[in-house]
Amino acid sequence: MSSSVQQQARRQQQVEALCAAAIRALSGRSDLHFRGKQLYQGERRLPMYAPHHRIDTATAPFADCRAAADGMALRLLYSDADLHRASCPERPVARLVFELLEQLRVETQVPAQLPGMAANLEQRFIRWSLDFHRSGQTETSSGLLVYTIAQMSWSRLNARQVLEETEDLIESTRFSLASSMGMALAGLRHHRHDQAAFIPHAQAVARLVDDTLESWQEGEDDSDRERQDDDEADDRKSLALLLDFDQEGDEERFASARSGTSKALGESRQGYTVYTTAHDREIVASDLVRKAQLEEFRRRLDTGIAEQGINVPRLARQLSAILATPQYDGWQYGEEEGRIDGRRLAQLVSSPTERRLFYQDRQRPVADCVVTLLVDCSGSMRHQSESVAMLADCLIRALDIAGGRSELLGFTTNAWNGGKPYQEWMRQGRPPAPGRLNEVCHLIFKKAGRGWRRSRRDIAAMLKGNLFREGVDGEAVDWACSRLLAREEQRKILIVISDGSPSDTATNLTNDAYYLDNHLKSVLARHERQGEIDILGLGVGLDLSPFYRHSLATDMSQALDNHLFDEIVQLIAQRIRR
């Protein structure tokens, strides 16, 4: 993974954070956020199908991202999603036009006191139009038809001229459509403030486009068919660019964690279940490593950290600045202002120029917080174990200096492919819907009650390769949260370090591929609602935003640097400020 990809991921996160803040401010909905480049309200994904606002936040100019954010805010404010969904045509091309028209409608509702928003939206539509035309999509018949409809509708709704650059290009198509959609266009303009009245006219335009395309295809005779094959292929390709709502580019970037819907979990009355917990373990990781080997691991870790050149005292100051809060620490005497110190009044008689007669409250910063690092110890993380151990070691040492508490935990399984629970399930005749079918292993590398100096050797146990097997993330997050909730510190933060989705072969085969995935989401959503713990995701070469509302994708195949720690501090700070 190149450094440019890392920079792109960082930029994407910054842009999404800014856009989400703008949408929340404009719409008045506090639970909106981006996850995996998609806008979510709480745990519900909000679709944005209008083609001119399909923005890749990793690469698009910020002006376009901001315009898309404005468009999303207007859609939330002025469009009834249920009414829109109930009226939306089923056929793809008609649906595309209907979505476009509804978005153009809400963009006419910009409040008069927000002229900047109107300018953003206008410039975005013009840029999309020019990009669409210059990319050659108007060279196909279907592309030109959709483009002409977009220009005519935008022009009529906003009482503006169509784009001068393409006015001649669309003239003949516009002329041929004028008689059949004149009434509908007038209706769009007249009912732009009333969604229910607007819908029949939008449906009429959408139906007209769909019927026109269909008639063109049916009107070709057999002799023309072969000659038109190439053109049709171009048409389909052109429309696919608009109709494929989930299309992703093929540029190098952090992949997003795979996610889906579990039918097994959704249909289960009991919800998430565990076949047996008889073989589960919670163990101190250093107990699994020979003492001499542990010493060797620690030497490797120290050498690696020394080569990184990480400024731990600087990191400690940054953490202290965001985690510490001022607390009363007695009185400070001999001040030139504040409360009068009666014991010093006699000095005023003997020395009239003496002014240090006052005392004040003394405050000192106290980091009343505990941070848990929960490391995914699944097999794919094995080759990253040294980098993750160095990262954890530096964070823990800095937290110690800053006065905070820290805990280092891990999760894996005792066996591959199910182990004893799977064997018991087989012996008992394979009853349906067995739930989790492996024996989980929760590892404690460092307890919160011990400082870095006393735990530094135990942390090195993370380098033991055969600890890494499979991962049941949801139960591990619940376990780490229960340990945090038992602590007395006021502020509790959980950082989950992982490189993938939950995975256990036996459980996935006997339920379905997203059983553990959906359980993790439900666990995170529950703790998010409770609001007692700030949960953050740190993706190792992976975008964890489909799971974690606040996450950071990192590239640990390169050397750790101070910039990476700066970003982790920013991630924690953003969560605390929210």
Protein backbone atom coordinates (compact mmCIF):
# COMPACT_ATOMS: atom_id res chain seq x y z
CA MET A 1 0.00 0.00 0.00
CA SER A 2 1.63 3.25 -1.13
CA SER A 3 1.87 6.41 0.97
CA SER A 4 -0.41 8.19 -1.53
CA VAL A 5 -3.16 5.71 -0.71
CA GLN A 6 -2.70 6.42 2.97
CA GLN A 7 -2.94 10.15 2.27
CA GLN A 8 -6.06 9.57 0.19
CA ALA A 9 -7.69 7.67 3.04
CA ARG A 10 -6.81 10.44 5.48
CA ARG A 11 -8.24 13.06 3.17
CA GLN A 12 -11.41 11.02 2.73
CA GLN A 13 -11.93 10.85 6.46
CA GLN A 14 -11.40 14.59 6.86
CA VAL A 15 -13.77 15.41 4.00
CA GLU A 16 -16.45 13.05 5.31
CA ALA A 17 -16.16 14.49 8.81
CA LEU A 18 -16.61 18.04 7.46
CA CYS A 19 -19.48 17.07 5.16
CA ALA A 20 -21.26 15.14 7.90
CA ALA A 21 -20.97 18.15 10.20
CA ALA A 22 -22.45 20.37 7.49
CA ILE A 23 -25.36 17.99 6.88
CA ARG A 24 -26.06 17.71 10.61
CA ALA A 25 -26.04 21.49 10.99
CA LEU A 26 -28.27 22.09 7.96
CA SER A 27 -30.75 19.29 8.59
CA GLY A 28 -30.85 19.51 12.37
CA ARG A 29 -30.33 15.76 12.68
CA SER A 30 -27.54 14.98 15.12
CA ASP A 31 -27.15 11.28 14.34
CA LEU A 32 -25.95 11.59 10.73
CA HIS A 33 -22.51 10.34 9.81
CA PHE A 34 -20.57 8.77 6.98
CA ARG A 35 -19.57 5.14 7.02
CA GLY A 36 -17.92 3.44 4.07
CA LYS A 37 -18.55 6.56 1.90
CA GLN A 38 -22.27 6.26 2.57
CA LEU A 39 -24.43 8.55 4.66
CA TYR A 40 -26.05 6.91 7.67
CA GLN A 41 -28.66 8.07 10.13
CA GLY A 42 -27.92 6.05 13.22
CA GLU A 43 -27.59 2.53 11.88
CA ARG A 44 -29.75 3.15 8.78
CA ARG A 45 -28.10 3.87 5.46
CA LEU A 46 -29.56 6.81 3.56
CA PRO A 47 -29.46 6.33 -0.22
CA MET A 48 -28.31 9.07 -2.58
CA TYR A 49 -29.13 7.95 -6.10
CA ALA A 50 -29.14 11.29 -7.94
CA PRO A 51 -26.31 10.89 -10.48
CA HIS A 52 -24.88 14.39 -10.07
CA HIS A 53 -24.29 13.83 -6.35
CA ARG A 54 -22.62 10.45 -6.53
CA ILE A 55 -19.29 11.65 -5.19
CA ASP A 56 -16.19 9.69 -4.31
CA THR A 57 -15.11 11.51 -1.17
CA ALA A 58 -11.60 10.07 -1.51
CA THR A 59 -10.81 11.75 -4.82
CA ALA A 60 -13.44 14.38 -5.71
CA PRO A 61 -12.69 18.11 -5.22
CA PHE A 62 -13.92 19.38 -1.88
CA ALA A 63 -16.31 21.83 -3.60
CA ASP A 64 -18.12 18.86 -5.18
CA CYS A 65 -18.22 16.98 -1.87
CA ARG A 66 -19.66 20.03 -0.13
CA ALA A 67 -22.28 20.48 -2.86
CA ALA A 68 -23.28 16.83 -2.48
CA ALA A 69 -23.56 17.38 1.28
CA ASP A 70 -25.81 20.37 0.69
CA GLY A 71 -27.93 18.29 -1.67
CA MET A 72 -28.25 15.52 0.92
CA ALA A 73 -29.29 18.02 3.58
CA LEU A 74 -32.00 19.44 1.32
CA ARG A 75 -33.21 15.93 0.49
CA LEU A 76 -33.57 15.18 4.21
CA LEU A 77 -35.34 18.47 4.85
CA TYR A 78 -37.76 18.67 1.94
CA SER A 79 -38.40 15.14 0.67
CA ASP A 80 -40.65 12.55 2.31
CA ALA A 81 -38.60 9.37 1.89
CA ASP A 82 -41.58 7.03 2.38
CA LEU A 83 -43.68 8.87 -0.18
CA HIS A 84 -40.79 8.94 -2.62
CA ARG A 85 -40.08 5.23 -2.17
CA ALA A 86 -43.73 4.32 -2.66
CA SER A 87 -43.90 6.30 -5.90
CA CYS A 88 -40.55 5.29 -7.36
CA PRO A 89 -40.78 3.35 -10.67
CA GLU A 90 -39.37 -0.16 -10.71
CA ARG A 91 -37.75 -0.09 -14.16
CA PRO A 92 -34.11 1.06 -13.85
CA VAL A 93 -34.10 3.86 -16.42
CA ALA A 94 -37.39 5.30 -15.17
CA ARG A 95 -36.11 5.09 -11.63
CA LEU A 96 -32.92 6.94 -12.58
CA VAL A 97 -34.92 9.83 -14.07
CA PHE A 98 -37.34 9.89 -11.14
CA GLU A 99 -34.48 10.06 -8.64
CA LEU A 100 -32.83 12.87 -10.60
CA LEU A 101 -36.02 14.92 -10.79
CA GLU A 102 -36.73 14.61 -7.06
CA GLN A 103 -33.21 15.78 -6.25
CA LEU A 104 -33.49 18.70 -8.66
CA ARG A 105 -36.82 19.59 -7.03
CA VAL A 106 -35.44 19.78 -3.49
CA GLU A 107 -32.51 21.84 -4.75
CA THR A 108 -34.96 24.57 -5.70
CA GLN A 109 -35.89 24.87 -2.00
CA VAL A 110 -32.62 26.49 -0.87
CA PRO A 111 -33.41 29.01 1.89
CA ALA A 112 -32.91 32.62 0.79
CA GLN A 113 -30.43 33.21 3.62
CA LEU A 114 -28.08 30.54 2.22
CA PRO A 115 -26.91 31.91 -1.16
CA GLY A 116 -23.65 29.96 -0.83
CA MET A 117 -25.58 26.69 -0.86
CA ALA A 118 -27.40 27.72 -4.05
CA ALA A 119 -24.06 28.54 -5.67
CA ASN A 120 -22.57 25.21 -4.58
CA LEU A 121 -25.45 23.25 -6.09
CA GLU A 122 -25.49 25.20 -9.34
CA GLN A 123 -21.76 24.81 -9.86
CA ARG A 124 -21.97 21.11 -9.06
CA PHE A 125 -24.72 20.49 -11.62
CA ILE A 126 -22.78 22.41 -14.27
CA ARG A 127 -19.59 20.47 -13.53
CA TRP A 128 -21.44 17.14 -13.65
CA SER A 129 -23.08 18.12 -16.94
CA LEU A 130 -19.78 19.10 -18.54
CA ASP A 131 -18.04 15.98 -17.23
CA PHE A 132 -20.87 13.83 -18.56
CA HIS A 133 -20.69 15.47 -21.99
CA ARG A 134 -16.90 15.57 -22.27
CA SER A 135 -16.57 11.93 -21.24
CA GLY A 136 -18.36 10.99 -24.46
CA GLN A 137 -21.56 9.69 -22.87
CA THR A 138 -23.68 12.09 -24.91
CA GLU A 139 -22.39 10.38 -28.06
CA THR A 140 -24.80 7.49 -27.51
CA SER A 141 -28.52 7.83 -28.14
CA SER A 142 -29.57 6.82 -24.63
CA GLY A 143 -26.91 9.00 -23.00
CA LEU A 144 -27.99 12.00 -25.05
CA LEU A 145 -31.66 11.40 -24.16
CA VAL A 146 -30.97 11.25 -20.41
CA TYR A 147 -28.66 14.26 -20.64
CA THR A 148 -31.27 16.27 -22.55
CA ILE A 149 -33.95 15.42 -19.99
CA ALA A 150 -31.62 16.50 -17.16
CA GLN A 151 -30.85 19.81 -18.88
CA MET A 152 -34.49 20.56 -19.74
CA SER A 153 -35.70 19.73 -16.22
CA TRP A 154 -32.96 21.68 -14.44
CA SER A 155 -33.52 24.65 -16.76
CA ARG A 156 -37.28 24.66 -16.21
CA LEU A 157 -37.15 24.09 -12.43
CA ASN A 158 -34.59 26.83 -11.88
CA ALA A 159 -35.80 29.19 -14.59
CA ARG A 160 -32.30 29.16 -16.10
CA GLN A 161 -30.91 28.69 -19.59
CA VAL A 162 -29.50 25.31 -20.51
CA LEU A 163 -25.72 25.08 -20.74
CA GLU A 164 -24.43 27.07 -23.67
CA GLU A 165 -21.73 24.54 -24.51
CA THR A 166 -24.22 21.76 -25.19
CA GLU A 167 -27.27 23.77 -26.27
CA ASP A 168 -26.78 22.99 -29.95
CA LEU A 169 -26.09 19.34 -29.19
CA ILE A 170 -29.41 18.77 -27.42
CA GLU A 171 -31.51 21.00 -29.65
CA SER A 172 -32.94 18.32 -31.93
CA THR A 173 -33.69 15.92 -29.04
CA ARG A 174 -35.27 18.75 -27.07
CA PHE A 175 -37.43 19.71 -30.02
CA SER A 176 -38.65 16.13 -30.49
CA LEU A 177 -39.59 15.85 -26.80
CA ALA A 178 -41.20 19.25 -26.47
CA SER A 179 -44.69 18.23 -27.56
CA SER A 180 -44.86 15.02 -25.50
CA MET A 181 -43.48 16.35 -22.22
CA GLY A 182 -44.50 20.01 -22.32
CA MET A 183 -47.32 19.53 -19.80
CA ALA A 184 -45.13 17.46 -17.50
CA LEU A 185 -42.36 20.04 -17.54
CA ALA A 186 -44.81 22.79 -16.68
CA GLY A 187 -46.12 20.61 -13.83
CA LEU A 188 -42.61 20.13 -12.46
CA ARG A 189 -42.11 23.86 -12.24
CA HIS A 190 -45.57 24.62 -10.90
CA HIS A 191 -45.54 21.95 -8.14
CA ARG A 192 -41.88 22.13 -7.10
CA HIS A 193 -42.91 23.10 -3.56
CA ASP A 194 -45.37 20.20 -3.19
CA GLN A 195 -43.82 16.74 -3.40
CA ALA A 196 -47.12 14.86 -3.68
CA ALA A 197 -48.32 17.05 -6.57
CA PHE A 198 -44.89 16.93 -8.19
CA ILE A 199 -44.73 13.13 -8.31
CA PRO A 200 -47.24 12.47 -11.16
CA HIS A 201 -45.39 14.85 -13.45
CA ALA A 202 -42.00 13.33 -12.53
CA GLN A 203 -43.43 9.87 -13.18
CA ALA A 204 -44.69 11.03 -16.57
CA VAL A 205 -41.23 12.26 -17.57
CA ALA A 206 -39.60 9.08 -16.28
CA ARG A 207 -42.10 6.92 -18.16
CA LEU A 208 -41.55 8.92 -21.34
CA VAL A 209 -37.81 8.33 -21.26
CA ASP A 210 -38.20 4.64 -20.50
CA ASP A 211 -40.80 4.15 -23.25
CA THR A 212 -38.69 6.08 -25.74
CA LEU A 213 -35.66 3.91 -25.15
CA GLU A 214 -37.76 0.77 -25.38
CA SER A 215 -39.39 1.88 -28.65
CA TRP A 216 -35.99 2.59 -30.14
CA GLN A 217 -34.91 -0.95 -29.39
CA GLU A 218 -38.12 -2.53 -30.69
CA GLY A 219 -38.14 -0.38 -33.84
CA GLU A 220 -34.93 -1.82 -35.19
CA ASP A 221 -35.51 -4.50 -37.80
CA ASP A 222 -33.41 -7.61 -38.05
CA SER A 223 -31.22 -6.22 -40.80
CA ASP A 224 -30.28 -3.32 -38.63
CA ARG A 225 -29.80 -5.43 -35.56
CA GLU A 226 -26.33 -6.63 -36.34
CA ARG A 227 -25.20 -3.18 -37.38
CA GLN A 228 -26.58 -1.70 -34.16
CA ASP A 229 -25.02 -4.22 -31.80
CA ASP A 230 -21.96 -2.10 -31.20
CA ASP A 231 -24.04 1.02 -30.61
CA GLU A 232 -26.26 -0.80 -28.14
CA ALA A 233 -23.26 -2.02 -26.27
CA ASP A 234 -22.08 1.58 -25.99
CA ASP A 235 -25.54 2.64 -24.84
CA ARG A 236 -25.67 0.00 -22.14
CA LYS A 237 -22.20 0.95 -20.98
CA SER A 238 -23.17 4.60 -20.86
CA LEU A 239 -26.32 3.99 -18.86
CA ALA A 240 -24.59 1.53 -16.57
CA LEU A 241 -22.43 4.38 -15.34
CA LEU A 242 -25.60 6.05 -14.10
CA LEU A 243 -27.58 3.02 -13.02
CA ASP A 244 -24.91 1.21 -11.05
CA PHE A 245 -25.50 2.95 -7.76
CA ASP A 246 -22.87 0.99 -5.86
CA GLN A 247 -20.17 1.28 -8.47
CA GLU A 248 -16.65 1.59 -7.19
CA GLY A 249 -13.64 2.76 -9.14
CA ASP A 250 -10.65 0.55 -9.64
CA GLU A 251 -8.07 2.96 -8.28
CA GLU A 252 -5.74 1.70 -5.57
CA ARG A 253 -7.24 2.53 -2.21
CA PHE A 254 -8.03 1.02 1.15
CA ALA A 255 -10.62 -1.67 0.65
CA SER A 256 -13.75 -1.50 2.77
CA ALA A 257 -14.57 -4.34 5.12
CA ARG A 258 -17.11 -6.71 3.53
CA SER A 259 -20.52 -6.67 5.09
CA GLY A 260 -23.99 -7.99 4.34
CA THR A 261 -27.19 -9.25 5.89
CA SER A 262 -27.41 -12.49 7.83
CA LYS A 263 -30.59 -14.40 7.04
CA ALA A 264 -29.86 -16.90 9.82
CA LEU A 265 -29.54 -14.19 12.46
CA GLY A 266 -32.50 -12.24 11.13
CA GLU A 267 -34.84 -15.23 11.25
CA SER A 268 -33.67 -16.49 14.64
CA ARG A 269 -36.06 -15.83 17.51
CA GLN A 270 -33.26 -16.15 20.04
CA GLY A 271 -31.00 -13.75 18.18
CA TYR A 272 -27.29 -14.46 18.43
CA THR A 273 -26.58 -17.73 20.22
CA VAL A 274 -23.56 -19.71 21.33
CA TYR A 275 -23.65 -23.49 21.04
CA THR A 276 -21.54 -23.97 24.17
CA THR A 277 -19.27 -21.79 26.30
CA ALA A 278 -17.74 -24.77 28.10
CA HIS A 279 -14.44 -24.48 26.25
CA ASP A 280 -14.08 -20.68 26.13
CA ARG A 281 -10.99 -19.23 27.78
CA GLU A 282 -9.84 -15.93 29.26
CA ILE A 283 -6.12 -16.08 29.84
CA VAL A 284 -3.08 -13.91 30.50
CA ALA A 285 -1.19 -14.11 27.21
CA SER A 286 2.28 -14.16 28.75
CA ASP A 287 1.36 -17.45 30.48
CA LEU A 288 1.35 -19.05 27.03
CA VAL A 289 4.95 -18.02 26.26
CA ARG A 290 8.16 -19.40 27.76
CA LYS A 291 10.07 -16.86 29.85
CA ALA A 292 13.19 -16.97 27.66
CA GLN A 293 11.12 -16.53 24.52
CA LEU A 294 9.27 -13.63 26.09
CA GLU A 295 12.60 -11.92 26.82
CA GLU A 296 13.64 -12.44 23.22
CA PHE A 297 10.34 -11.00 21.97
CA ARG A 298 10.83 -7.95 24.17
CA ARG A 299 14.33 -7.33 22.80
CA ARG A 300 12.94 -7.50 19.25
CA LEU A 301 10.21 -5.07 20.19
CA ASP A 302 12.64 -2.60 21.78
CA THR A 303 14.90 -2.73 18.71
CA GLY A 304 11.98 -2.17 16.37
CA ILE A 305 10.62 0.77 18.38
CA ALA A 306 14.07 2.40 18.50
CA GLU A 307 14.27 2.20 14.69
CA GLN A 308 10.92 3.94 14.22
CA GLY A 309 12.04 7.22 15.79
CA ILE A 310 8.71 7.80 17.52
CA ASN A 311 8.59 10.79 19.83
CA VAL A 312 6.76 9.30 22.81
CA PRO A 313 6.99 12.38 25.10
CA ARG A 314 5.39 14.46 22.32
CA LEU A 315 2.65 11.88 21.94
CA ALA A 316 2.10 11.96 25.70
CA ARG A 317 1.66 15.74 25.62
CA GLN A 318 -0.87 15.43 22.80
CA LEU A 319 -2.85 12.78 24.68
CA SER A 320 -2.72 14.81 27.86
CA ALA A 321 -4.08 17.85 26.03
CA ILE A 322 -7.19 15.97 24.85
CA LEU A 323 -7.76 13.59 27.76
CA ALA A 324 -6.87 15.62 30.85
CA THR A 325 -9.29 17.97 32.55
CA PRO A 326 -8.40 20.57 35.21
CA GLN A 327 -9.12 19.49 38.77
CA TYR A 328 -8.88 21.33 42.10
CA ASP A 329 -5.52 20.80 43.82
CA GLY A 330 -5.55 23.02 46.89
CA TRP A 331 -4.64 26.72 47.21
CA GLN A 332 -1.90 28.80 45.67
CA TYR A 333 -0.69 31.65 47.94
CA GLY A 334 1.35 34.78 47.27
CA GLU A 335 -0.71 35.89 44.25
CA GLU A 336 -1.29 39.48 43.18
CA GLU A 337 -5.01 38.93 42.70
CA GLY A 338 -7.69 36.57 43.93
CA ARG A 339 -9.04 36.14 47.46
CA ILE A 340 -7.43 38.24 50.27
CA ASP A 341 -5.10 36.20 52.48
CA GLY A 342 -5.79 37.49 56.04
CA ARG A 343 -2.49 36.17 57.33
CA ARG A 344 -0.59 38.55 55.08
CA LEU A 345 -2.43 41.76 55.92
CA ALA A 346 0.27 42.64 58.47
CA GLN A 347 2.78 42.80 55.60
CA LEU A 348 0.69 45.55 54.04
CA VAL A 349 1.34 47.72 57.14
CA SER A 350 5.08 47.08 57.21
CA SER A 351 5.50 47.18 53.43
CA PRO A 352 2.81 49.26 51.68
CA THR A 353 4.13 48.34 48.23
CA GLU A 354 3.67 44.63 48.83
CA ARG A 355 0.96 43.32 46.49
CA ARG A 356 1.24 39.56 46.90
CA LEU A 357 -1.55 39.37 49.47
CA PHE A 358 -3.97 37.09 47.67
CA TYR A 359 -4.52 33.39 47.11
CA GLN A 360 -6.28 31.40 44.34
CA ASP A 361 -7.51 27.89 43.58
CA ARG A 362 -4.76 25.71 42.22
CA GLN A 363 -5.73 23.47 39.26
CA ARG A 364 -3.77 20.62 37.74
CA PRO A 365 -4.60 18.53 34.66
CA VAL A 366 -5.79 15.01 35.48
CA ALA A 367 -6.44 12.37 32.82
CA ASP A 368 -9.32 10.57 34.49
CA CYS A 369 -9.66 8.06 31.67
CA VAL A 370 -8.92 4.50 30.68
CA VAL A 371 -8.13 3.39 27.13
CA THR A 372 -8.46 -0.24 26.08
CA LEU A 373 -6.69 -1.48 22.95
CA LEU A 374 -8.46 -4.58 21.68
CA VAL A 375 -6.36 -6.41 19.07
CA ASP A 376 -7.81 -8.80 16.51
CA CYS A 377 -5.57 -11.90 16.79
CA SER A 378 -7.01 -13.70 13.78
CA GLY A 379 -4.65 -15.47 11.39
CA SER A 380 -4.49 -12.64 8.85
CA MET A 381 -3.10 -10.32 11.54
CA ARG A 382 -0.12 -12.54 12.28
CA HIS A 383 2.22 -10.82 9.82
CA GLN A 384 1.24 -7.44 11.30
CA SER A 385 1.75 -8.51 14.92
CA GLU A 386 5.11 -6.76 15.37
CA SER A 387 3.83 -3.44 13.99
CA VAL A 388 0.68 -3.63 16.11
CA ALA A 389 2.71 -4.51 19.21
CA MET A 390 5.00 -1.51 18.65
CA LEU A 391 2.00 0.76 18.12
CA ALA A 392 0.34 -0.51 21.30
CA ASP A 393 3.54 -0.26 23.31
CA CYS A 394 4.08 3.39 22.33
CA LEU A 395 0.46 4.34 23.02
CA ILE A 396 0.50 2.64 26.41
CA ARG A 397 3.78 4.30 27.40
CA ALA A 398 2.47 7.72 26.33
CA LEU A 399 -0.78 7.20 28.22
CA ASP A 400 1.21 6.34 31.32
CA ILE A 401 3.17 9.59 31.03
CA ALA A 402 -0.08 11.52 30.44
CA GLY A 403 -1.56 10.07 33.62
CA GLY A 404 -4.19 7.87 31.99
CA ARG A 405 -4.82 4.15 32.41
CA SER A 406 -4.60 1.63 29.63
CA GLU A 407 -5.40 -2.00 28.97
CA LEU A 408 -4.21 -4.23 26.14
CA LEU A 409 -6.48 -7.13 25.20
CA GLY A 410 -6.71 -9.56 22.30
CA PHE A 411 -9.19 -12.05 20.91
CA THR A 412 -8.78 -15.25 18.95
CA THR A 413 -10.05 -18.84 19.10
CA ASN A 414 -8.58 -21.90 20.75
CA ALA A 415 -8.81 -23.92 17.54
CA TRP A 416 -9.30 -23.66 13.80
CA ASN A 417 -12.60 -24.69 12.18
CA GLY A 418 -14.65 -25.05 15.33
CA GLY A 419 -12.69 -27.27 17.67
CA LYS A 420 -14.58 -29.03 20.47
CA PRO A 421 -17.94 -27.22 20.07
CA TYR A 422 -18.06 -28.24 16.42
CA GLN A 423 -17.24 -31.86 17.29
CA GLU A 424 -19.97 -31.92 19.95
CA TRP A 425 -22.45 -30.47 17.46
CA MET A 426 -21.53 -33.22 14.99
CA ARG A 427 -21.95 -35.96 17.63
CA GLN A 428 -25.38 -34.60 18.59
CA GLY A 429 -26.73 -34.98 15.07
CA ARG A 430 -26.12 -31.48 13.72
CA PRO A 431 -29.13 -29.64 15.17
CA PRO A 432 -30.12 -26.61 13.06
CA ALA A 433 -29.13 -23.02 13.84
CA PRO A 434 -26.33 -23.87 16.29
CA GLY A 435 -25.00 -20.30 16.57
CA ARG A 436 -21.32 -19.72 17.30
CA LEU A 437 -19.49 -23.03 16.90
CA ASN A 438 -15.96 -22.35 18.07
CA GLU A 439 -14.25 -21.88 21.41
CA VAL A 440 -13.26 -18.25 21.86
CA CYS A 441 -10.05 -17.23 23.56
CA HIS A 442 -9.80 -13.79 25.15
CA LEU A 443 -6.25 -12.67 25.82
CA ILE A 444 -5.01 -10.21 28.42
CA PHE A 445 -1.66 -8.69 27.48
CA LYS A 446 -1.81 -5.87 30.01
CA LYS A 447 -4.31 -5.08 32.76
CA ALA A 448 -5.42 -1.52 33.37
CA GLY A 449 -4.18 -1.60 36.94
CA ARG A 450 -0.54 -2.11 35.94
CA GLY A 451 1.74 0.49 34.45
CA TRP A 452 3.77 0.16 31.26
CA ARG A 453 7.04 -0.52 33.06
CA ARG A 454 5.65 -3.55 34.94
CA SER A 455 3.86 -4.85 31.85
CA ARG A 456 6.41 -4.20 29.11
CA ARG A 457 7.56 -7.83 28.97
CA ASP A 458 3.98 -9.18 28.88
CA ILE A 459 3.11 -6.90 25.95
CA ALA A 460 5.76 -8.68 23.88
CA ALA A 461 3.67 -11.89 24.05
CA MET A 462 1.80 -10.50 21.05
CA LEU A 463 4.73 -11.63 18.88
CA LYS A 464 3.92 -15.31 19.51
CA GLY A 465 2.65 -16.43 16.13
CA ASN A 466 0.52 -19.44 17.09
CA LEU A 467 -1.86 -17.29 19.16
CA PHE A 468 -3.42 -16.06 15.90
CA ARG A 469 -6.34 -18.20 14.68
CA GLU A 470 -9.90 -16.98 14.02
CA GLY A 471 -11.92 -14.05 15.33
CA VAL A 472 -15.35 -13.54 16.91
CA ASP A 473 -15.31 -9.76 17.12
CA GLY A 474 -18.76 -9.07 18.59
CA GLU A 475 -18.23 -11.13 21.74
CA ALA A 476 -14.72 -9.67 22.13
CA VAL A 477 -16.06 -6.10 21.98
CA ASP A 478 -18.71 -7.01 24.58
CA TRP A 479 -16.01 -8.55 26.79
CA ALA A 480 -13.73 -5.52 26.53
CA CYS A 481 -16.65 -3.17 27.22
CA SER A 482 -17.66 -5.13 30.32
CA ARG A 483 -14.11 -4.76 31.65
CA LEU A 484 -14.18 -1.04 30.92
CA LEU A 485 -17.56 -0.55 32.59
CA ALA A 486 -16.19 -2.13 35.76
CA ARG A 487 -13.55 0.61 35.96
CA GLU A 488 -14.03 3.78 37.99
CA GLU A 489 -12.50 6.24 35.53
CA GLN A 490 -14.94 8.80 34.19
CA ARG A 491 -13.93 8.55 30.54
CA LYS A 492 -13.72 5.15 28.82
CA ILE A 493 -12.37 4.58 25.33
CA LEU A 494 -12.12 1.33 23.37
CA ILE A 495 -9.92 1.16 20.26
CA VAL A 496 -10.40 -2.01 18.19
CA ILE A 497 -7.42 -2.83 15.95
CA SER A 498 -8.40 -5.21 13.15
CA ASP A 499 -7.74 -6.05 9.51
CA GLY A 500 -11.04 -7.64 8.56
CA SER A 501 -14.55 -8.73 9.27
CA PRO A 502 -15.41 -11.31 11.95
CA SER A 503 -14.68 -14.79 10.71
CA ASP A 504 -14.96 -18.30 12.03
CA THR A 505 -15.18 -21.05 9.45
CA ALA A 506 -17.37 -23.46 11.44
CA THR A 507 -19.84 -20.74 12.45
CA ASN A 508 -20.04 -19.30 8.94
CA LEU A 509 -20.65 -22.70 7.32
CA THR A 510 -23.37 -23.76 9.73
CA ASN A 511 -25.19 -20.40 9.82
CA ASP A 512 -24.25 -18.02 7.00
CA ALA A 513 -21.37 -15.77 6.00
CA TYR A 514 -22.64 -12.67 7.82
CA TYR A 515 -23.78 -14.22 11.09
CA LEU A 516 -20.80 -12.96 13.12
CA ASP A 517 -20.67 -9.77 11.05
CA ASN A 518 -24.24 -8.80 11.97
CA HIS A 519 -23.69 -9.69 15.60
CA LEU A 520 -20.72 -7.30 15.74
CA LYS A 521 -22.90 -4.55 14.27
CA SER A 522 -25.63 -5.14 16.84
CA VAL A 523 -23.09 -5.08 19.70
CA LEU A 524 -21.58 -1.81 18.45
CA ALA A 525 -25.02 -0.27 17.95
CA ARG A 526 -26.04 -1.21 21.51
CA HIS A 527 -22.97 0.34 23.08
CA GLU A 528 -23.36 3.38 20.82
CA ARG A 529 -26.88 3.86 22.16
CA GLN A 530 -25.77 3.43 25.75
CA GLY A 531 -23.08 6.06 25.20
CA GLU A 532 -20.91 4.99 28.14
CA ILE A 533 -17.88 4.03 26.04
CA ASP A 534 -16.33 5.71 23.02
CA ILE A 535 -15.60 2.90 20.54
CA LEU A 536 -13.14 3.55 17.71
CA GLY A 537 -11.92 1.30 14.89
CA LEU A 538 -8.32 1.24 13.69
CA GLY A 539 -8.21 -0.61 10.38
CA VAL A 540 -4.96 -2.33 9.40
CA GLY A 541 -4.89 -1.82 5.63
CA LEU A 542 -8.70 -1.80 5.64
CA ASP A 543 -11.51 0.70 5.93
CA LEU A 544 -13.57 -0.42 8.94
CA SER A 545 -16.21 2.25 8.51
CA PRO A 546 -18.94 -0.29 7.56
CA PHE A 547 -18.72 -1.40 11.20
CA TYR A 548 -17.32 1.43 13.26
CA ARG A 549 -18.89 4.85 13.18
CA HIS A 550 -15.53 6.42 14.01
CA SER A 551 -12.59 4.72 12.37
CA LEU A 552 -9.18 5.28 10.82
CA ALA A 553 -7.59 3.20 8.06
CA THR A 554 -3.85 2.79 8.45
CA ASP A 555 -1.01 1.23 6.52
CA MET A 556 1.21 -0.62 8.96
CA SER A 557 3.25 -2.33 6.28
CA GLN A 558 5.34 0.86 6.24
CA ALA A 559 7.35 2.13 9.20
CA LEU A 560 5.31 3.67 12.01
CA ASP A 561 5.78 7.41 12.15
CA ASN A 562 4.72 10.35 14.25
CA HIS A 563 2.10 11.32 11.67
CA LEU A 564 0.24 8.05 12.26
CA PHE A 565 0.10 8.77 15.98
CA ASP A 566 -1.04 12.32 15.23
CA GLU A 567 -3.98 10.86 13.35
CA ILE A 568 -4.84 8.47 16.14
CA VAL A 569 -4.83 11.40 18.56
CA GLN A 570 -7.11 13.32 16.19
CA LEU A 571 -9.44 10.33 15.96
CA ILE A 572 -9.74 10.21 19.75
CA ALA A 573 -10.13 13.99 19.96
CA GLN A 574 -12.91 14.09 17.36
CA ARG A 575 -14.86 11.45 19.22
CA ILE A 576 -14.48 13.30 22.50
CA ARG A 577 -15.53 16.65 21.02
CA ARG A 578 -18.67 15.25 19.41
